[in-house]
Amino acid sequence: MAVHSSDIALAMRLADAAGAAIRPWFRRADIGLEIKDDRSPVTRADREAEAAMRRLLDAERSGDGVVGEEYGTKEGVTGRQWVLDPIDGTRSFTVGRPIFGTLIALVEDGWPILGIIDQPIAGERWLGVAGRPTTFNGQPARTRACPQLDGAIIATTSPHLFAEGDVPHYMALVAAISGGNPRQGPVYGGDCYNYGLLASGHLDIVAESGLQLYDFAALVPIVEGAGGRMCDWNGDPLTAASPGHVLAIGDPARTDDVLEALHGVHEH
């Protein structure tokens, strides 16, 4: 499952194309906001960015599969899939918060091997490649040490997005981290941006539930290439078959602590 320099160059161009499609719509009133059948928002910027990326892939990697949030799945013949989320964090985009991101992943035989988080307004880009160090705007990115769970900084987009049965587990993890101190409570909002911040050493844990492949595939090489750990809520690696329970842990030494806290709650 080798990643070639041409794969990286193409992924960078995909991010450039998406950013060029997104920036003209940022903080505009006429973004064409609609609510999809799954109750999630979509805008002209989402659709134009994914269409721009798909045009590039059709021209240069027509044999590869494509999975995108807005335009579905195109089957390929190479065992590789480009997994695209043109705007991860559309709610943030619609209210003018520049903490959304374009997610681009290359998945081979179900395993994420390349990932990009691109924030096109701030000009910030994380690149992760399996077997290589993660970079942030071309410079090395590293997670930070977290000597104990108590006092760690945890982020999630919103527990309101979790399946109901997952919320008690998440709250048990928050309790183990904060010790009941609201000043040590979670950071909310941020979508994919949180994982970039974790990879750069600003957060310790991100926990989310109900994610799709296009929400998490790009994050795996980024977090792991920065020294962190990506897994599901059972500690298993994330692949195309994962059900969408996602943990990012900046210091892998805290993995068992996080899993124990998550599953220490008793369901009735």
C-alpha atoms as a PDB file:
ATOM      1  CA  MET A   1       0.000   0.000   0.000  1.00  0.00           C
ATOM      2  CA  ALA A   2       2.562   2.512  -1.141  1.00  0.00           C
ATOM      3  CA  VAL A   3       1.769   6.201  -1.494  1.00  0.00           C
ATOM      4  CA  HIS A   4       3.595   7.742  -4.440  1.00  0.00           C
ATOM      5  CA  SER A   5       4.694  11.332  -4.873  1.00  0.00           C
ATOM      6  CA  SER A   6       2.137  11.624  -7.670  1.00  0.00           C
ATOM      7  CA  ASP A   7      -0.625  10.668  -5.200  1.00  0.00           C
ATOM      8  CA  ILE A   8       0.455  13.415  -2.824  1.00  0.00           C
ATOM      9  CA  ALA A   9       0.715  15.976  -5.626  1.00  0.00           C
ATOM     10  CA  LEU A  10      -2.760  15.089  -6.854  1.00  0.00           C
ATOM     11  CA  ALA A  11      -4.237  15.296  -3.351  1.00  0.00           C
ATOM     12  CA  MET A  12      -2.724  18.770  -2.965  1.00  0.00           C
ATOM     13  CA  ARG A  13      -4.256  19.847  -6.264  1.00  0.00           C
ATOM     14  CA  LEU A  14      -7.610  18.462  -5.182  1.00  0.00           C
ATOM     15  CA  ALA A  15      -7.419  20.598  -2.046  1.00  0.00           C
ATOM     16  CA  ASP A  16      -6.448  23.640  -4.101  1.00  0.00           C
ATOM     17  CA  ALA A  17      -9.407  23.077  -6.437  1.00  0.00           C
ATOM     18  CA  ALA A  18     -11.835  22.687  -3.553  1.00  0.00           C
ATOM     19  CA  GLY A  19     -10.543  25.809  -1.832  1.00  0.00           C
ATOM     20  CA  ALA A  20     -10.886  27.846  -5.011  1.00  0.00           C
ATOM     21  CA  ALA A  21     -14.527  26.743  -5.239  1.00  0.00           C
ATOM     22  CA  ILE A  22     -15.280  27.438  -1.562  1.00  0.00           C
ATOM     23  CA  ARG A  23     -13.674  30.812  -0.888  1.00  0.00           C
ATOM     24  CA  PRO A  24     -15.976  32.933  -3.105  1.00  0.00           C
ATOM     25  CA  TRP A  25     -19.011  31.714  -1.122  1.00  0.00           C
ATOM     26  CA  PHE A  26     -17.652  32.293   2.382  1.00  0.00           C
ATOM     27  CA  ARG A  27     -19.792  34.708   4.435  1.00  0.00           C
ATOM     28  CA  ARG A  28     -22.148  35.356   1.536  1.00  0.00           C
ATOM     29  CA  ALA A  29     -25.900  35.504   1.962  1.00  0.00           C
ATOM     30  CA  ASP A  30     -26.747  33.605  -1.218  1.00  0.00           C
ATOM     31  CA  ILE A  31     -24.996  30.299  -0.516  1.00  0.00           C
ATOM     32  CA  GLY A  32     -28.059  28.258  -1.474  1.00  0.00           C
ATOM     33  CA  LEU A  33     -28.447  26.564   1.885  1.00  0.00           C
ATOM     34  CA  GLU A  34     -30.602  23.435   1.779  1.00  0.00           C
ATOM     35  CA  ILE A  35     -31.368  20.690   4.305  1.00  0.00           C
ATOM     36  CA  LYS A  36     -30.805  17.164   2.999  1.00  0.00           C
ATOM     37  CA  ASP A  37     -32.883  14.090   3.794  1.00  0.00           C
ATOM     38  CA  ASP A  38     -30.546  13.229   6.674  1.00  0.00           C
ATOM     39  CA  ARG A  39     -31.208  16.722   8.111  1.00  0.00           C
ATOM     40  CA  SER A  40     -27.665  17.896   7.443  1.00  0.00           C
ATOM     41  CA  PRO A  41     -27.036  21.203   5.632  1.00  0.00           C
ATOM     42  CA  VAL A  42     -25.555  21.582   2.161  1.00  0.00           C
ATOM     43  CA  THR A  43     -24.622  24.690   0.168  1.00  0.00           C
ATOM     44  CA  ARG A  44     -23.508  25.636  -3.310  1.00  0.00           C
ATOM     45  CA  ALA A  45     -19.950  25.668  -1.998  1.00  0.00           C
ATOM     46  CA  ASP A  46     -20.175  22.004  -0.897  1.00  0.00           C
ATOM     47  CA  ARG A  47     -21.444  20.919  -4.296  1.00  0.00           C
ATOM     48  CA  GLU A  48     -19.084  23.034  -6.385  1.00  0.00           C
ATOM     49  CA  ALA A  49     -16.047  21.950  -4.368  1.00  0.00           C
ATOM     50  CA  GLU A  50     -16.813  18.256  -4.695  1.00  0.00           C
ATOM     51  CA  ALA A  51     -17.605  18.641  -8.405  1.00  0.00           C
ATOM     52  CA  ALA A  52     -14.246  20.357  -8.950  1.00  0.00           C
ATOM     53  CA  MET A  53     -12.398  17.523  -7.225  1.00  0.00           C
ATOM     54  CA  ARG A  54     -14.292  14.861  -9.153  1.00  0.00           C
ATOM     55  CA  ARG A  55     -13.426  16.515 -12.463  1.00  0.00           C
ATOM     56  CA  LEU A  56      -9.743  16.239 -11.620  1.00  0.00           C
ATOM     57  CA  LEU A  57     -10.085  12.608 -10.594  1.00  0.00           C
ATOM     58  CA  ASP A  58     -12.074  11.718 -13.716  1.00  0.00           C
ATOM     59  CA  ALA A  59      -9.318  13.237 -15.835  1.00  0.00           C
ATOM     60  CA  GLU A  60      -6.323  11.772 -14.017  1.00  0.00           C
ATOM     61  CA  ARG A  61      -7.430   8.685 -12.035  1.00  0.00           C
ATOM     62  CA  SER A  62     -10.443   7.384 -13.912  1.00  0.00           C
ATOM     63  CA  GLY A  63      -9.838   3.816 -12.697  1.00  0.00           C
ATOM     64  CA  ASP A  64      -9.930   4.728  -9.014  1.00  0.00           C
ATOM     65  CA  GLY A  65     -13.137   4.692  -7.034  1.00  0.00           C
ATOM     66  CA  VAL A  66     -14.572   7.875  -5.545  1.00  0.00           C
ATOM     67  CA  VAL A  67     -16.679   8.272  -2.408  1.00  0.00           C
ATOM     68  CA  GLY A  68     -18.068  11.747  -1.809  1.00  0.00           C
ATOM     69  CA  GLU A  69     -20.575  13.189   0.615  1.00  0.00           C
ATOM     70  CA  GLU A  70     -22.541  15.089  -2.011  1.00  0.00           C
ATOM     71  CA  TYR A  71     -22.375  12.907  -5.136  1.00  0.00           C
ATOM     72  CA  GLY A  72     -22.141   9.391  -3.783  1.00  0.00           C
ATOM     73  CA  THR A  73     -19.935   6.486  -4.834  1.00  0.00           C
ATOM     74  CA  LYS A  74     -18.255   5.766  -8.132  1.00  0.00           C
ATOM     75  CA  GLU A  75     -16.929   2.220  -8.299  1.00  0.00           C
ATOM     76  CA  GLY A  76     -13.318   1.732  -9.397  1.00  0.00           C
ATOM     77  CA  VAL A  77     -11.140  -1.105 -10.624  1.00  0.00           C
ATOM     78  CA  THR A  78      -7.827  -0.433  -8.835  1.00  0.00           C
ATOM     79  CA  GLY A  79      -8.644  -1.226  -5.192  1.00  0.00           C
ATOM     80  CA  ARG A  80      -8.170   2.479  -4.417  1.00  0.00           C
ATOM     81  CA  GLN A  81     -10.799   5.040  -3.472  1.00  0.00           C
ATOM     82  CA  TRP A  82     -10.571   8.794  -3.143  1.00  0.00           C
ATOM     83  CA  VAL A  83     -12.816   9.766  -0.255  1.00  0.00           C
ATOM     84  CA  LEU A  84     -14.022  13.374  -0.332  1.00  0.00           C
ATOM     85  CA  ASP A  85     -15.857  15.639   2.080  1.00  0.00           C
ATOM     86  CA  PRO A  86     -15.829  19.056   0.390  1.00  0.00           C
ATOM     87  CA  ILE A  87     -16.872  20.933   3.532  1.00  0.00           C
ATOM     88  CA  ASP A  88     -16.667  19.032   6.789  1.00  0.00           C
ATOM     89  CA  GLY A  89     -18.394  21.433   9.145  1.00  0.00           C
ATOM     90  CA  THR A  90     -20.996  22.966   6.842  1.00  0.00           C
ATOM     91  CA  ARG A  91     -22.808  24.461   9.840  1.00  0.00           C
ATOM     92  CA  SER A  92     -19.660  26.399  10.736  1.00  0.00           C
ATOM     93  CA  PHE A  93     -19.285  27.469   7.109  1.00  0.00           C
ATOM     94  CA  THR A  94     -22.862  28.749   6.949  1.00  0.00           C
ATOM     95  CA  VAL A  95     -22.382  31.010   9.979  1.00  0.00           C
ATOM     96  CA  GLY A  96     -18.982  32.341   8.879  1.00  0.00           C
ATOM     97  CA  ARG A  97     -16.770  30.379  11.280  1.00  0.00           C
ATOM     98  CA  PRO A  98     -13.485  29.413   9.554  1.00  0.00           C
ATOM     99  CA  ILE A  99     -13.106  26.123  11.433  1.00  0.00           C
ATOM    100  CA  PHE A 100     -14.537  23.853   8.739  1.00  0.00           C
ATOM    101  CA  GLY A 101     -12.290  21.930   6.380  1.00  0.00           C
ATOM    102  CA  THR A 102     -12.048  20.007   3.151  1.00  0.00           C
ATOM    103  CA  LEU A 103     -11.226  16.342   3.750  1.00  0.00           C
ATOM    104  CA  ILE A 104      -9.430  14.293   1.114  1.00  0.00           C
ATOM    105  CA  ALA A 105      -8.376  10.696   1.703  1.00  0.00           C
ATOM    106  CA  LEU A 106      -6.849   7.944  -0.368  1.00  0.00           C
ATOM    107  CA  VAL A 107      -8.051   4.540   0.813  1.00  0.00           C
ATOM    108  CA  GLU A 108      -6.544   1.293  -0.450  1.00  0.00           C
ATOM    109  CA  ASP A 109      -8.272  -2.031   0.224  1.00  0.00           C
ATOM    110  CA  GLY A 110     -10.263  -0.297   2.948  1.00  0.00           C
ATOM    111  CA  TRP A 111      -7.281   1.277   4.749  1.00  0.00           C
ATOM    112  CA  PRO A 112      -6.699   5.053   4.785  1.00  0.00           C
ATOM    113  CA  ILE A 113      -3.164   5.716   3.527  1.00  0.00           C
ATOM    114  CA  LEU A 114      -3.228   9.452   2.769  1.00  0.00           C
ATOM    115  CA  GLY A 115      -5.209  12.312   4.250  1.00  0.00           C
ATOM    116  CA  ILE A 116      -5.546  16.066   3.971  1.00  0.00           C
ATOM    117  CA  ILE A 117      -7.386  18.546   6.167  1.00  0.00           C
ATOM    118  CA  ASP A 118      -7.501  21.863   4.313  1.00  0.00           C
ATOM    119  CA  GLN A 119      -8.866  25.061   5.833  1.00  0.00           C
ATOM    120  CA  PRO A 120      -9.122  27.300   2.762  1.00  0.00           C
ATOM    121  CA  ILE A 121      -9.914  30.571   4.526  1.00  0.00           C
ATOM    122  CA  ALA A 122      -7.018  30.524   6.997  1.00  0.00           C
ATOM    123  CA  GLY A 123      -4.684  28.834   4.511  1.00  0.00           C
ATOM    124  CA  GLU A 124      -3.980  25.885   6.825  1.00  0.00           C
ATOM    125  CA  ARG A 125      -3.297  22.371   5.576  1.00  0.00           C
ATOM    126  CA  TRP A 126      -2.431  19.159   7.375  1.00  0.00           C
ATOM    127  CA  LEU A 127      -1.044  16.296   5.290  1.00  0.00           C
ATOM    128  CA  GLY A 128      -0.740  12.746   6.574  1.00  0.00           C
ATOM    129  CA  VAL A 129       0.797   9.864   4.649  1.00  0.00           C
ATOM    130  CA  ALA A 130       1.098   6.325   6.002  1.00  0.00           C
ATOM    131  CA  GLY A 131       4.644   5.686   7.183  1.00  0.00           C
ATOM    132  CA  ARG A 132       5.664   9.362   7.045  1.00  0.00           C
ATOM    133  CA  PRO A 133       5.572  12.246   9.524  1.00  0.00           C
ATOM    134  CA  THR A 134       2.527  14.505   9.333  1.00  0.00           C
ATOM    135  CA  THR A 135       3.060  18.073   8.185  1.00  0.00           C
ATOM    136  CA  PHE A 136       1.201  21.314   8.817  1.00  0.00           C
ATOM    137  CA  ASN A 137       1.798  23.821   6.033  1.00  0.00           C
ATOM    138  CA  GLY A 138       4.918  21.860   5.136  1.00  0.00           C
ATOM    139  CA  GLN A 139       6.400  21.775   8.647  1.00  0.00           C
ATOM    140  CA  PRO A 140       6.375  18.766  11.014  1.00  0.00           C
ATOM    141  CA  ALA A 141       3.285  18.424  13.229  1.00  0.00           C
ATOM    142  CA  ARG A 142       3.422  16.482  16.496  1.00  0.00           C
ATOM    143  CA  THR A 143       0.897  15.583  19.129  1.00  0.00           C
ATOM    144  CA  ARG A 144       1.747  16.403  22.734  1.00  0.00           C
ATOM    145  CA  ALA A 145       2.334  14.254  25.787  1.00  0.00           C
ATOM    146  CA  CYS A 146      -0.635  13.804  28.146  1.00  0.00           C
ATOM    147  CA  PRO A 147       0.648  12.413  31.442  1.00  0.00           C
ATOM    148  CA  GLN A 148      -2.812  11.633  32.876  1.00  0.00           C
ATOM    149  CA  LEU A 149      -6.446  11.617  31.848  1.00  0.00           C
ATOM    150  CA  ASP A 150      -7.477  14.045  34.586  1.00  0.00           C
ATOM    151  CA  GLY A 151      -7.127  17.514  33.116  1.00  0.00           C
ATOM    152  CA  ALA A 152      -6.758  16.445  29.483  1.00  0.00           C
ATOM    153  CA  ILE A 153      -8.492  18.633  26.899  1.00  0.00           C
ATOM    154  CA  ILE A 154     -11.226  16.835  24.970  1.00  0.00           C
ATOM    155  CA  ALA A 155     -13.162  18.119  21.974  1.00  0.00           C
ATOM    156  CA  THR A 156     -16.207  16.993  20.039  1.00  0.00           C
ATOM    157  CA  THR A 157     -18.406  18.709  17.513  1.00  0.00           C
ATOM    158  CA  SER A 158     -21.563  18.095  19.567  1.00  0.00           C
ATOM    159  CA  PRO A 159     -22.945  15.207  21.637  1.00  0.00           C
ATOM    160  CA  HIS A 160     -26.334  16.151  20.143  1.00  0.00           C
ATOM    161  CA  LEU A 161     -25.079  14.399  17.000  1.00  0.00           C
ATOM    162  CA  PHE A 162     -24.437  11.132  18.856  1.00  0.00           C
ATOM    163  CA  ALA A 163     -26.777   8.191  18.885  1.00  0.00           C
ATOM    164  CA  GLU A 164     -28.690   8.309  22.178  1.00  0.00           C
ATOM    165  CA  GLY A 165     -27.015   5.216  23.609  1.00  0.00           C
ATOM    166  CA  ASP A 166     -23.559   6.689  23.026  1.00  0.00           C
ATOM    167  CA  VAL A 167     -24.086   9.834  25.100  1.00  0.00           C
ATOM    168  CA  PRO A 168     -23.684   8.188  28.562  1.00  0.00           C
ATOM    169  CA  HIS A 169     -20.354   6.708  27.488  1.00  0.00           C
ATOM    170  CA  TYR A 170     -19.135  10.066  26.225  1.00  0.00           C
ATOM    171  CA  MET A 171     -20.275  11.804  29.413  1.00  0.00           C
ATOM    172  CA  ALA A 172     -18.460   9.195  31.503  1.00  0.00           C
ATOM    173  CA  LEU A 173     -15.274  10.022  29.598  1.00  0.00           C
ATOM    174  CA  VAL A 174     -15.834  13.745  30.144  1.00  0.00           C
ATOM    175  CA  ALA A 175     -16.351  13.123  33.875  1.00  0.00           C
ATOM    176  CA  ALA A 176     -13.089  11.180  34.094  1.00  0.00           C
ATOM    177  CA  ILE A 177     -11.273  14.050  32.419  1.00  0.00           C
ATOM    178  CA  SER A 178     -12.873  17.005  34.183  1.00  0.00           C
ATOM    179  CA  GLY A 179     -13.542  15.617  37.646  1.00  0.00           C
ATOM    180  CA  GLY A 180     -16.790  17.591  37.644  1.00  0.00           C
ATOM    181  CA  ASN A 181     -15.000  20.911  37.108  1.00  0.00           C
ATOM    182  CA  PRO A 182     -16.910  22.814  34.380  1.00  0.00           C
ATOM    183  CA  ARG A 183     -13.808  24.887  33.682  1.00  0.00           C
ATOM    184  CA  GLN A 184     -12.221  21.692  32.395  1.00  0.00           C
ATOM    185  CA  GLY A 185     -15.206  20.783  30.253  1.00  0.00           C
ATOM    186  CA  PRO A 186     -15.108  19.849  26.569  1.00  0.00           C
ATOM    187  CA  VAL A 187     -14.379  22.078  23.608  1.00  0.00           C
ATOM    188  CA  TYR A 188     -17.438  22.034  21.334  1.00  0.00           C
ATOM    189  CA  GLY A 189     -17.662  22.655  17.595  1.00  0.00           C
ATOM    190  CA  GLY A 190     -14.813  22.242  15.174  1.00  0.00           C
ATOM    191  CA  ASP A 191     -15.542  19.087  13.154  1.00  0.00           C
ATOM    192  CA  CYS A 192     -12.361  17.996  11.336  1.00  0.00           C
ATOM    193  CA  TYR A 193     -10.462  21.071  12.553  1.00  0.00           C
ATOM    194  CA  ASN A 194     -10.244  19.498  16.004  1.00  0.00           C
ATOM    195  CA  TYR A 195      -8.197  16.615  14.617  1.00  0.00           C
ATOM    196  CA  GLY A 196      -5.742  19.014  13.025  1.00  0.00           C
ATOM    197  CA  LEU A 197      -5.399  20.824  16.330  1.00  0.00           C
ATOM    198  CA  LEU A 198      -4.796  17.510  18.085  1.00  0.00           C
ATOM    199  CA  ALA A 199      -2.143  16.582  15.496  1.00  0.00           C
ATOM    200  CA  SER A 200      -0.435  19.919  16.161  1.00  0.00           C
ATOM    201  CA  GLY A 201      -0.420  19.420  19.931  1.00  0.00           C
ATOM    202  CA  HIS A 202      -3.251  21.731  21.036  1.00  0.00           C
ATOM    203  CA  LEU A 203      -5.848  19.113  22.068  1.00  0.00           C
ATOM    204  CA  ASP A 204      -5.502  15.720  23.757  1.00  0.00           C
ATOM    205  CA  ILE A 205      -8.634  13.743  22.784  1.00  0.00           C
ATOM    206  CA  VAL A 206     -11.412  13.947  20.214  1.00  0.00           C
ATOM    207  CA  ALA A 207     -14.419  11.639  20.579  1.00  0.00           C
ATOM    208  CA  GLU A 208     -17.262  11.374  18.083  1.00  0.00           C
ATOM    209  CA  SER A 209     -20.066   9.040  17.101  1.00  0.00           C
ATOM    210  CA  GLY A 210     -22.076   8.512  13.930  1.00  0.00           C
ATOM    211  CA  LEU A 211     -19.360   9.510  11.449  1.00  0.00           C
ATOM    212  CA  GLN A 212     -19.259   8.338   7.853  1.00  0.00           C
ATOM    213  CA  LEU A 213     -16.155   7.187   5.989  1.00  0.00           C
ATOM    214  CA  TYR A 214     -15.780  10.603   4.360  1.00  0.00           C
ATOM    215  CA  ASP A 215     -15.794  12.169   7.844  1.00  0.00           C
ATOM    216  CA  PHE A 216     -12.887  10.165   9.257  1.00  0.00           C
ATOM    217  CA  ALA A 217     -10.767   8.499   6.555  1.00  0.00           C
ATOM    218  CA  ALA A 218      -8.516  11.527   6.000  1.00  0.00           C
ATOM    219  CA  LEU A 219      -7.976  11.982   9.730  1.00  0.00           C
ATOM    220  CA  VAL A 220      -6.328   8.614  10.326  1.00  0.00           C
ATOM    221  CA  PRO A 221      -2.980   9.196   8.545  1.00  0.00           C
ATOM    222  CA  ILE A 222      -2.827  12.759   9.881  1.00  0.00           C
ATOM    223  CA  VAL A 223      -3.249  11.906  13.560  1.00  0.00           C
ATOM    224  CA  GLU A 224      -1.148   8.745  13.442  1.00  0.00           C
ATOM    225  CA  GLY A 225       1.642  10.379  11.441  1.00  0.00           C
ATOM    226  CA  ALA A 226       1.806  13.068  14.137  1.00  0.00           C
ATOM    227  CA  GLY A 227       2.335  10.441  16.845  1.00  0.00           C
ATOM    228  CA  GLY A 228      -1.263   9.978  17.945  1.00  0.00           C
ATOM    229  CA  ARG A 229      -3.716   7.087  17.848  1.00  0.00           C
ATOM    230  CA  MET A 230      -6.935   6.766  15.857  1.00  0.00           C
ATOM    231  CA  CYS A 231      -9.340   3.962  16.735  1.00  0.00           C
ATOM    232  CA  ASP A 232     -12.986   3.168  17.320  1.00  0.00           C
ATOM    233  CA  TRP A 233     -14.586   3.067  20.760  1.00  0.00           C
ATOM    234  CA  ASN A 234     -13.391  -0.514  21.208  1.00  0.00           C
ATOM    235  CA  GLY A 235      -9.784   0.373  20.402  1.00  0.00           C
ATOM    236  CA  ASP A 236      -9.859  -1.226  16.940  1.00  0.00           C
ATOM    237  CA  PRO A 237      -8.247   0.457  13.890  1.00  0.00           C
ATOM    238  CA  LEU A 238     -10.447   2.589  11.648  1.00  0.00           C
ATOM    239  CA  THR A 239     -11.139   1.206   8.185  1.00  0.00           C
ATOM    240  CA  ALA A 240     -13.812   1.554   5.523  1.00  0.00           C
ATOM    241  CA  ALA A 241     -15.807  -1.053   7.478  1.00  0.00           C
ATOM    242  CA  SER A 242     -15.774   0.892  10.770  1.00  0.00           C
ATOM    243  CA  PRO A 243     -19.212   1.848  12.123  1.00  0.00           C
ATOM    244  CA  GLY A 244     -18.384   5.491  12.856  1.00  0.00           C
ATOM    245  CA  HIS A 245     -17.398   5.608  16.539  1.00  0.00           C
ATOM    246  CA  VAL A 246     -14.151   7.583  16.398  1.00  0.00           C
ATOM    247  CA  LEU A 247     -11.454   8.378  18.942  1.00  0.00           C
ATOM    248  CA  ALA A 248      -8.360  10.449  18.361  1.00  0.00           C
ATOM    249  CA  ILE A 249      -5.852  10.290  21.202  1.00  0.00           C
ATOM    250  CA  GLY A 250      -2.819  12.531  21.041  1.00  0.00           C
ATOM    251  CA  ASP A 251      -0.762  10.480  23.495  1.00  0.00           C
ATOM    252  CA  PRO A 252      -1.210   6.753  22.748  1.00  0.00           C
ATOM    253  CA  ALA A 253      -0.212   5.991  26.345  1.00  0.00           C
ATOM    254  CA  ARG A 254      -3.658   7.253  27.388  1.00  0.00           C
ATOM    255  CA  THR A 255      -5.566   4.871  25.114  1.00  0.00           C
ATOM    256  CA  ASP A 256      -6.417   2.301  27.793  1.00  0.00           C
ATOM    257  CA  ASP A 257      -7.457   5.081  30.187  1.00  0.00           C
ATOM    258  CA  VAL A 258      -9.796   6.568  27.574  1.00  0.00           C
ATOM    259  CA  LEU A 259     -11.349   3.208  26.709  1.00  0.00           C
ATOM    260  CA  GLU A 260     -11.800   2.295  30.370  1.00  0.00           C
ATOM    261  CA  ALA A 261     -13.528   5.624  31.057  1.00  0.00           C
ATOM    262  CA  LEU A 262     -15.778   5.254  28.006  1.00  0.00           C
ATOM    263  CA  HIS A 263     -16.927   1.799  28.976  1.00  0.00           C
ATOM    264  CA  GLY A 264     -17.026   2.262  32.727  1.00  0.00           C
ATOM    265  CA  VAL A 265     -20.642   3.405  32.528  1.00  0.00           C
ATOM    266  CA  HIS A 266     -23.297   0.744  33.157  1.00  0.00           C
ATOM    267  CA  GLU A 267     -26.241   0.746  30.777  1.00  0.00           C
ATOM    268  CA  HIS A 268     -29.685   0.017  32.178  1.00  0.00           C
END
